[in-house]
């Protein structure tokens, strides 16, 4: 990350929205007299952690943040019990758009798609014990922002959060020159025979692809990561001969590893770096946890993939069969794709159901 400007004085103001200041107003924090901490603060009164969290009822939507005017979200911290990481949907709407630019399970947005904590130490997403979710994705907007959580489960969910953002003339100008952050979640479970898992499908507009997280569940024995990721740019996907401009050489290669992530004598070996990692390896336990499961991320922060008119992204799932031949796999693949676009909304997959989200 470029830290050269960290000491430069800018004509901006910092605001922050949390259950202790629902609208981020100046001097508006710590004023609550009712909230989830009121009983704990009964001997201390106002200003003593009266409203640190919110409870979202079954099937309810909750406005995490509504911001008017131009600005840029610089940090999101959030936590909730891991039972809800897949059934709590995070959405973001930019500039009054009726459709969300971001719609993902909250766990997957932060690289925790399996409902089990895994330390993730990267420049743009950090997840720390025990489920402290942090996002540093810049989220600029020109006339307003709306962040929402929807509880798809049948039980109440308690959520703690803080959304920090900047406002001011400089930020307004930055927002005019920036694309909007989008994040889309898709799952193939199981992946149909001899097909690819699609991460993005014909996104239209000018933008840049900036990140991939995949929760990969292996439904067979043996190595599973021979498949290539492919980026179809600016007419590639619609061409008569459909070939991508960018083609990877293997799954572990794309995520920055090599040779099956296998360190001799250690097997699969987790790693987490500023821009890429295999931060989660869930091994069979010999009883009910019968499958290998993995969490991997690749942030294109310093090497974004630019496109002018359209983008489609997919990845193969390949193992090995006899005769040193590739074997198309039928794995459980859930991806979250991050990109900036010149439009506040675009084509996106249908909102997933509870069954589609369930970890089986």
Protein backbone atom coordinates (compact mmCIF):
# COMPACT_ATOMS: atom_id res chain seq x y z
CA UNK A 1 0.00 0.00 0.00
CA UNK A 2 1.12 3.56 -0.74
CA UNK A 3 1.79 5.22 2.60
CA UNK A 4 3.62 8.22 1.14
CA UNK A 5 0.66 10.51 1.78
CA UNK A 6 -0.12 9.38 5.32
CA UNK A 7 1.29 12.58 6.81
CA UNK A 8 -0.18 14.96 4.23
CA UNK A 9 -2.77 17.31 5.69
CA UNK A 10 -6.04 17.22 3.79
CA UNK A 11 -9.15 19.33 4.09
CA UNK A 12 -11.44 16.47 5.09
CA UNK A 13 -13.46 15.43 8.13
CA UNK A 14 -13.67 11.95 9.63
CA UNK A 15 -16.99 10.55 10.79
CA UNK A 16 -17.94 7.15 12.19
CA UNK A 17 -21.22 5.29 12.49
CA UNK A 18 -21.80 2.69 15.21
CA UNK A 19 -24.57 1.70 17.63
CA UNK A 20 -23.22 4.54 19.81
CA UNK A 21 -23.73 7.07 16.99
CA UNK A 22 -26.22 5.78 14.44
CA UNK A 23 -25.93 8.72 12.03
CA UNK A 24 -22.27 9.62 12.49
CA UNK A 25 -23.08 13.18 13.56
CA UNK A 26 -20.42 15.40 15.07
CA UNK A 27 -20.60 15.13 18.86
CA UNK A 28 -23.29 12.48 18.49
CA UNK A 29 -21.47 9.57 20.09
CA UNK A 30 -22.15 8.05 23.51
CA UNK A 31 -25.49 9.80 23.99
CA UNK A 32 -27.65 6.68 24.21
CA UNK A 33 -29.79 6.06 27.26
CA UNK A 34 -31.19 2.76 25.94
CA UNK A 35 -29.48 -0.12 24.20
CA UNK A 36 -28.03 -3.62 24.48
CA UNK A 37 -25.64 -2.47 27.23
CA UNK A 38 -28.09 -0.43 29.29
CA UNK A 39 -28.48 -3.08 31.98
CA UNK A 40 -24.71 -3.45 32.32
CA UNK A 41 -24.34 0.33 32.62
CA UNK A 42 -27.18 0.81 35.12
CA UNK A 43 -24.79 1.95 37.84
CA UNK A 44 -22.90 4.30 35.53
CA UNK A 45 -25.46 5.89 33.24
CA UNK A 46 -25.18 7.74 29.95
CA UNK A 47 -21.84 7.61 28.17
CA UNK A 48 -20.80 4.24 29.64
CA UNK A 49 -21.26 1.74 26.80
CA UNK A 50 -25.03 1.85 26.83
CA UNK A 51 -25.46 0.92 23.16
CA UNK A 52 -22.50 -1.13 21.86
CA UNK A 53 -24.46 -3.43 19.54
CA UNK A 54 -27.79 -4.07 17.84
CA UNK A 55 -30.09 -7.06 17.65
CA UNK A 56 -31.53 -7.96 14.25
CA UNK A 57 -34.63 -10.11 14.39
CA UNK A 58 -35.33 -13.16 12.21
CA UNK A 59 -35.94 -12.11 8.61
CA UNK A 60 -35.31 -8.45 9.41
CA UNK A 61 -33.20 -5.90 7.57
CA UNK A 62 -31.14 -3.34 9.48
CA UNK A 63 -29.61 -0.10 8.20
CA UNK A 64 -25.98 -0.19 9.29
CA UNK A 65 -25.28 3.19 7.73
CA UNK A 66 -27.06 5.87 5.75
CA UNK A 67 -24.78 8.68 4.62
CA UNK A 68 -25.88 11.70 2.59
CA UNK A 69 -23.62 13.56 0.20
CA UNK A 70 -20.25 12.59 -1.22
CA UNK A 71 -17.76 10.63 0.82
CA UNK A 72 -15.57 7.58 1.11
CA UNK A 73 -15.83 4.69 3.55
CA UNK A 74 -12.30 3.90 4.72
CA UNK A 75 -12.81 1.14 7.29
CA UNK A 76 -15.50 -1.27 8.44
CA UNK A 77 -15.16 -3.28 11.64
CA UNK A 78 -17.87 -5.82 12.42
CA UNK A 79 -18.39 -8.90 14.52
CA UNK A 80 -21.15 -11.36 15.25
CA UNK A 81 -21.31 -14.99 16.32
CA UNK A 82 -19.88 -17.37 13.76
CA UNK A 83 -23.20 -19.23 13.49
CA UNK A 84 -24.44 -16.23 11.50
CA UNK A 85 -21.51 -15.60 9.17
CA UNK A 86 -23.31 -17.28 6.26
CA UNK A 87 -26.93 -16.30 7.03
CA UNK A 88 -26.29 -12.58 7.51
CA UNK A 89 -26.22 -10.77 4.16
CA UNK A 90 -24.23 -7.56 3.71
CA UNK A 91 -25.42 -5.10 1.06
CA UNK A 92 -24.16 -1.72 -0.09
CA UNK A 93 -26.08 0.74 -2.26
CA UNK A 94 -24.31 3.73 -3.80
CA UNK A 95 -25.81 7.07 -4.84
CA UNK A 96 -29.44 6.11 -4.42
CA UNK A 97 -29.30 3.01 -6.62
CA UNK A 98 -32.23 0.63 -6.17
CA UNK A 99 -30.01 -2.44 -6.60
CA UNK A 100 -27.02 -3.23 -4.39
CA UNK A 101 -23.46 -3.10 -5.66
CA UNK A 102 -22.41 -5.41 -2.83
CA UNK A 103 -24.46 -8.43 -1.82
CA UNK A 104 -22.57 -11.21 -0.07
CA UNK A 105 -22.76 -13.27 3.11
CA UNK A 106 -20.95 -11.25 5.74
CA UNK A 107 -18.48 -14.06 6.44
CA UNK A 108 -17.49 -14.45 2.80
CA UNK A 109 -16.98 -10.70 2.39
CA UNK A 110 -14.29 -11.00 5.07
CA UNK A 111 -12.81 -14.30 3.85
CA UNK A 112 -14.59 -16.54 6.38
CA UNK A 113 -16.92 -18.62 4.24
CA UNK A 114 -16.84 -21.83 6.28
CA UNK A 115 -18.21 -20.50 9.57
CA UNK A 116 -14.90 -21.26 11.28
CA UNK A 117 -12.38 -18.61 12.29
CA UNK A 118 -9.16 -18.38 10.29
CA UNK A 119 -6.61 -15.62 10.86
CA UNK A 120 -6.40 -13.43 7.76
CA UNK A 121 -3.65 -10.81 7.74
CA UNK A 122 -3.84 -8.86 4.50
CA UNK A 123 -3.66 -5.23 3.46
CA UNK A 124 -7.35 -4.93 2.58
CA UNK A 125 -9.05 -7.46 4.85
CA UNK A 126 -7.96 -8.47 8.33
CA UNK A 127 -9.77 -11.01 10.50
CA UNK A 128 -8.50 -11.42 14.04
CA UNK A 129 -9.39 -13.56 17.07
CA UNK A 130 -12.14 -14.40 17.46
CA UNK A 131 -14.05 -13.07 14.52
CA UNK A 132 -13.04 -9.43 14.40
CA UNK A 133 -13.82 -8.51 10.78
CA UNK A 134 -11.96 -5.54 9.25
CA UNK A 135 -12.30 -4.16 5.72
CA UNK A 136 -10.03 -1.48 4.29
CA UNK A 137 -11.54 -1.56 0.78
CA UNK A 138 -11.97 2.11 -0.23
CA UNK A 139 -15.67 2.72 -0.92
CA UNK A 140 -16.20 6.13 -2.56
CA UNK A 141 -19.64 7.54 -3.37
CA UNK A 142 -20.89 10.80 -4.87
CA UNK A 143 -24.29 11.52 -3.38
CA UNK A 144 -24.97 8.91 -0.72
CA UNK A 145 -24.27 5.46 0.72
CA UNK A 146 -26.52 2.87 2.32
CA UNK A 147 -25.14 -0.23 4.06
CA UNK A 148 -27.60 -2.91 5.14
CA UNK A 149 -27.61 -6.26 6.91
CA UNK A 150 -30.36 -8.84 6.42
CA UNK A 151 -30.82 -11.70 8.87
CA UNK A 152 -31.95 -14.71 6.85
CA UNK A 153 -31.96 -17.02 9.87
CA UNK A 154 -34.87 -17.85 12.18
CA UNK A 155 -33.16 -16.53 15.34
CA UNK A 156 -32.15 -13.03 16.49
CA UNK A 157 -28.59 -11.95 15.69
CA UNK A 158 -26.49 -9.54 17.77
CA UNK A 159 -24.06 -7.45 15.70
CA UNK A 160 -21.32 -5.03 16.75
CA UNK A 161 -20.02 -2.68 14.04
CA UNK A 162 -18.27 0.58 13.22
CA UNK A 163 -18.17 2.28 9.81
CA UNK A 164 -15.57 5.03 9.43
CA UNK A 165 -15.71 7.44 6.50
CA UNK A 166 -14.41 10.76 5.19
CA UNK A 167 -16.31 13.78 3.90
CA UNK A 168 -15.13 17.10 2.48
CA UNK A 169 -14.37 18.86 -0.79
CA UNK A 170 -11.24 16.79 -1.46
CA UNK A 171 -13.16 13.57 -0.93
CA UNK A 172 -15.93 14.81 -3.22
CA UNK A 173 -13.41 15.32 -6.02
CA UNK A 174 -11.85 11.90 -5.37
CA UNK A 175 -15.28 10.29 -5.58
CA UNK A 176 -15.96 11.92 -8.95
CA UNK A 177 -12.86 10.25 -10.35
CA UNK A 178 -13.42 6.82 -8.76
CA UNK A 179 -15.44 3.75 -9.57
CA UNK A 180 -17.89 2.15 -7.15
CA UNK A 181 -16.90 -0.96 -5.21
CA UNK A 182 -18.91 -4.04 -6.10
CA UNK A 183 -18.81 -7.53 -4.58
CA UNK A 184 -20.73 -10.54 -5.93
CA UNK A 185 -21.13 -13.98 -4.36
CA UNK A 186 -21.75 -17.16 -6.31
CA UNK A 187 -21.76 -20.82 -5.38
CA UNK A 188 -21.57 -24.07 -7.34
CA UNK A 189 -22.54 -26.99 -5.12
CA UNK A 190 -21.76 -29.36 -6.64
CA UNK A 191 -20.15 -28.01 -9.78
CA UNK A 192 -21.86 -29.74 -12.74
CA UNK A 193 -19.83 -32.14 -14.84
CA UNK A 194 -17.20 -30.59 -17.14
CA UNK A 195 -18.30 -27.01 -16.45
CA UNK A 196 -16.53 -24.03 -14.92
CA UNK A 197 -17.42 -22.06 -11.82
CA UNK A 198 -18.43 -18.53 -12.82
CA UNK A 199 -17.24 -15.65 -10.63
CA UNK A 200 -18.57 -12.80 -12.79
CA UNK A 201 -20.96 -13.08 -15.71
CA UNK A 202 -20.91 -10.35 -18.37
CA UNK A 203 -20.47 -7.30 -16.16
CA UNK A 204 -20.92 -4.26 -18.42
CA UNK A 205 -19.08 -0.97 -18.11
CA UNK A 206 -15.60 0.37 -17.49
CA UNK A 207 -13.78 -0.77 -14.39
CA UNK A 208 -11.14 -2.91 -12.79
CA UNK A 209 -11.18 -6.28 -11.11
CA UNK A 210 -9.51 -6.10 -7.70
CA UNK A 211 -10.05 -9.26 -5.68
CA UNK A 212 -11.10 -12.88 -5.30
CA UNK A 213 -12.01 -14.93 -2.26
CA UNK A 214 -12.98 -18.58 -2.64
CA UNK A 215 -14.27 -21.06 -0.08
CA UNK A 216 -13.43 -24.35 -1.81
CA UNK A 217 -14.83 -27.64 -0.57
CA UNK A 218 -13.33 -30.77 -2.13
CA UNK A 219 -15.80 -33.56 -2.88
CA UNK A 220 -13.25 -36.15 -3.98
CA UNK A 221 -9.90 -37.59 -3.01
CA UNK A 222 -6.62 -36.36 -4.40
CA UNK A 223 -5.39 -32.97 -5.56
CA UNK A 224 -8.07 -30.54 -6.67
CA UNK A 225 -6.34 -27.37 -7.91
CA UNK A 226 -5.17 -27.94 -11.50
CA UNK A 227 -7.90 -25.66 -12.87
CA UNK A 228 -7.15 -22.31 -14.51
CA UNK A 229 -8.84 -18.97 -13.81
CA UNK A 230 -9.74 -16.98 -16.92
CA UNK A 231 -10.59 -13.31 -17.47
CA UNK A 232 -12.64 -12.54 -20.58
CA UNK A 233 -12.17 -8.84 -21.32
CA UNK A 234 -13.93 -6.43 -23.67
CA UNK A 235 -15.71 -8.78 -26.04
CA UNK A 236 -13.75 -11.98 -25.38
CA UNK A 237 -16.77 -13.79 -23.94
CA UNK A 238 -19.03 -12.89 -26.87
CA UNK A 239 -16.53 -13.66 -29.61
CA UNK A 240 -17.23 -16.56 -31.97
CA UNK A 241 -14.02 -18.18 -30.79
CA UNK A 242 -14.35 -17.70 -27.04
CA UNK A 243 -10.88 -17.32 -25.55
CA UNK A 244 -9.79 -15.15 -22.63
CA UNK A 245 -7.20 -12.41 -22.71
CA UNK A 246 -5.85 -13.53 -19.32
CA UNK A 247 -5.52 -17.21 -18.45
CA UNK A 248 -3.86 -18.55 -15.32
CA UNK A 249 -1.84 -21.74 -15.04
CA UNK A 250 -3.47 -23.35 -12.01
CA UNK A 251 -5.54 -22.61 -8.94
CA UNK A 252 -2.71 -22.56 -6.44
CA UNK A 253 -0.64 -20.48 -8.86
CA UNK A 254 -3.30 -17.77 -9.05
CA UNK A 255 -3.46 -17.55 -5.26
CA UNK A 256 0.31 -17.16 -5.06
CA UNK A 257 1.35 -20.67 -4.10
CA UNK A 258 2.92 -23.56 -5.98
CA UNK A 259 3.11 -27.35 -6.12
CA UNK A 260 -0.25 -28.06 -4.46
CA UNK A 261 0.47 -25.79 -1.45
CA UNK A 262 2.31 -28.91 -0.23
CA UNK A 263 5.44 -28.43 1.85
CA UNK A 264 7.13 -31.86 2.02
CA UNK A 265 6.54 -33.38 5.42
CA UNK A 266 3.91 -30.77 6.32
CA UNK A 267 1.24 -31.15 3.64
CA UNK A 268 -1.10 -28.25 2.97
CA UNK A 269 0.50 -25.20 4.54
CA UNK A 270 -1.45 -22.05 5.39
CA UNK A 271 -0.06 -18.60 4.59
CA UNK A 272 -1.40 -15.05 4.72
CA UNK A 273 0.36 -12.13 3.01
CA UNK A 274 -0.71 -8.54 2.20
CA UNK A 275 -2.26 -9.47 -1.15
CA UNK A 276 -2.75 -13.23 -1.34
CA UNK A 277 -3.00 -16.33 0.77
CA UNK A 278 -4.26 -19.79 1.61
CA UNK A 279 -5.29 -18.73 5.09
CA UNK A 280 -7.61 -21.62 5.91
CA UNK A 281 -7.22 -25.40 5.68
CA UNK A 282 -9.97 -27.46 7.31
CA UNK A 283 -8.94 -31.10 7.48
CA UNK A 284 -11.16 -34.16 7.97
CA UNK A 285 -11.48 -35.20 11.61
CA UNK A 286 -12.08 -38.89 10.98
CA UNK A 287 -15.75 -38.60 11.96
CA UNK A 288 -18.26 -35.98 10.80
CA UNK A 289 -15.88 -33.45 9.20
CA UNK A 290 -15.35 -35.67 6.19
CA UNK A 291 -14.10 -33.25 3.52
CA UNK A 292 -11.12 -31.00 2.94
CA UNK A 293 -12.08 -27.34 2.84
CA UNK A 294 -9.98 -24.33 1.98
CA UNK A 295 -10.12 -20.54 2.09
CA UNK A 296 -8.03 -18.54 -0.40
CA UNK A 297 -7.76 -14.86 -1.35
CA UNK A 298 -6.07 -12.82 -4.05
CA UNK A 299 -6.27 -9.02 -3.88
CA UNK A 300 -5.32 -7.26 -7.13
CA UNK A 301 -4.48 -4.07 -5.23
CA UNK A 302 -1.27 -3.33 -7.06
CA UNK A 303 -2.10 -5.27 -10.23
CA UNK A 304 -5.79 -4.55 -11.01
CA UNK A 305 -7.28 -6.08 -14.14
CA UNK A 306 -8.68 -3.22 -16.22
CA UNK A 307 -11.58 -3.56 -18.63
CA UNK A 308 -13.30 -1.00 -20.86
CA UNK A 309 -16.64 -2.52 -21.82
CA UNK A 310 -17.27 -5.90 -20.17
CA UNK A 311 -15.81 -8.62 -17.97
CA UNK A 312 -16.53 -12.31 -17.38
CA UNK A 313 -14.47 -14.45 -15.00
CA UNK A 314 -14.54 -18.21 -14.42
CA UNK A 315 -12.38 -20.93 -12.89
CA UNK A 316 -11.96 -24.62 -13.65
CA UNK A 317 -12.01 -27.41 -11.06
CA UNK A 318 -9.56 -30.10 -12.11
CA UNK A 319 -7.90 -33.05 -10.44
CA UNK A 320 -6.11 -36.09 -11.82
CA UNK A 321 -7.23 -39.45 -13.13
CA UNK A 322 -5.37 -42.49 -14.47
CA UNK A 323 -2.96 -42.06 -17.33
CA UNK A 324 -1.93 -38.61 -16.11
CA UNK A 325 -5.18 -37.10 -17.40
CA UNK A 326 -7.13 -34.21 -15.97
CA UNK A 327 -10.30 -35.05 -14.04
CA UNK A 328 -13.14 -32.46 -13.99
CA UNK A 329 -14.37 -32.21 -10.40
CA UNK A 330 -17.77 -31.66 -8.80
CA UNK A 331 -16.68 -29.53 -5.87
CA UNK A 332 -18.43 -27.01 -3.61
CA UNK A 333 -17.06 -23.64 -4.73
CA UNK A 334 -18.28 -20.35 -3.26
CA UNK A 335 -16.62 -17.22 -4.62
CA UNK A 336 -16.73 -13.55 -3.79
CA UNK A 337 -15.49 -11.28 -6.59
CA UNK A 338 -14.50 -7.66 -5.92
CA UNK A 339 -14.37 -5.01 -8.64
CA UNK A 340 -14.75 -1.27 -9.21
CA UNK A 341 -17.17 -0.11 -11.89
CA UNK A 342 -18.24 3.21 -13.40
CA UNK A 343 -21.87 2.39 -12.53
CA UNK A 344 -23.47 2.12 -9.09
CA UNK A 345 -25.20 -1.15 -10.01
CA UNK A 346 -24.88 -3.87 -12.62
CA UNK A 347 -26.11 -7.37 -13.45
CA UNK A 348 -25.78 -9.68 -10.48
CA UNK A 349 -26.86 -13.17 -9.41
CA UNK A 350 -30.14 -13.72 -7.61
CA UNK A 351 -30.13 -13.19 -3.86
CA UNK A 352 -29.20 -16.55 -2.34
CA UNK A 353 -31.64 -18.47 -0.17
CA UNK A 354 -30.81 -19.94 3.22
CA UNK A 355 -30.56 -23.38 1.62
CA UNK A 356 -28.19 -22.08 -1.06
CA UNK A 357 -25.98 -20.57 1.65
CA UNK A 358 -25.99 -23.53 4.02
CA UNK A 359 -22.66 -25.21 4.76
CA UNK A 360 -23.33 -28.89 4.14
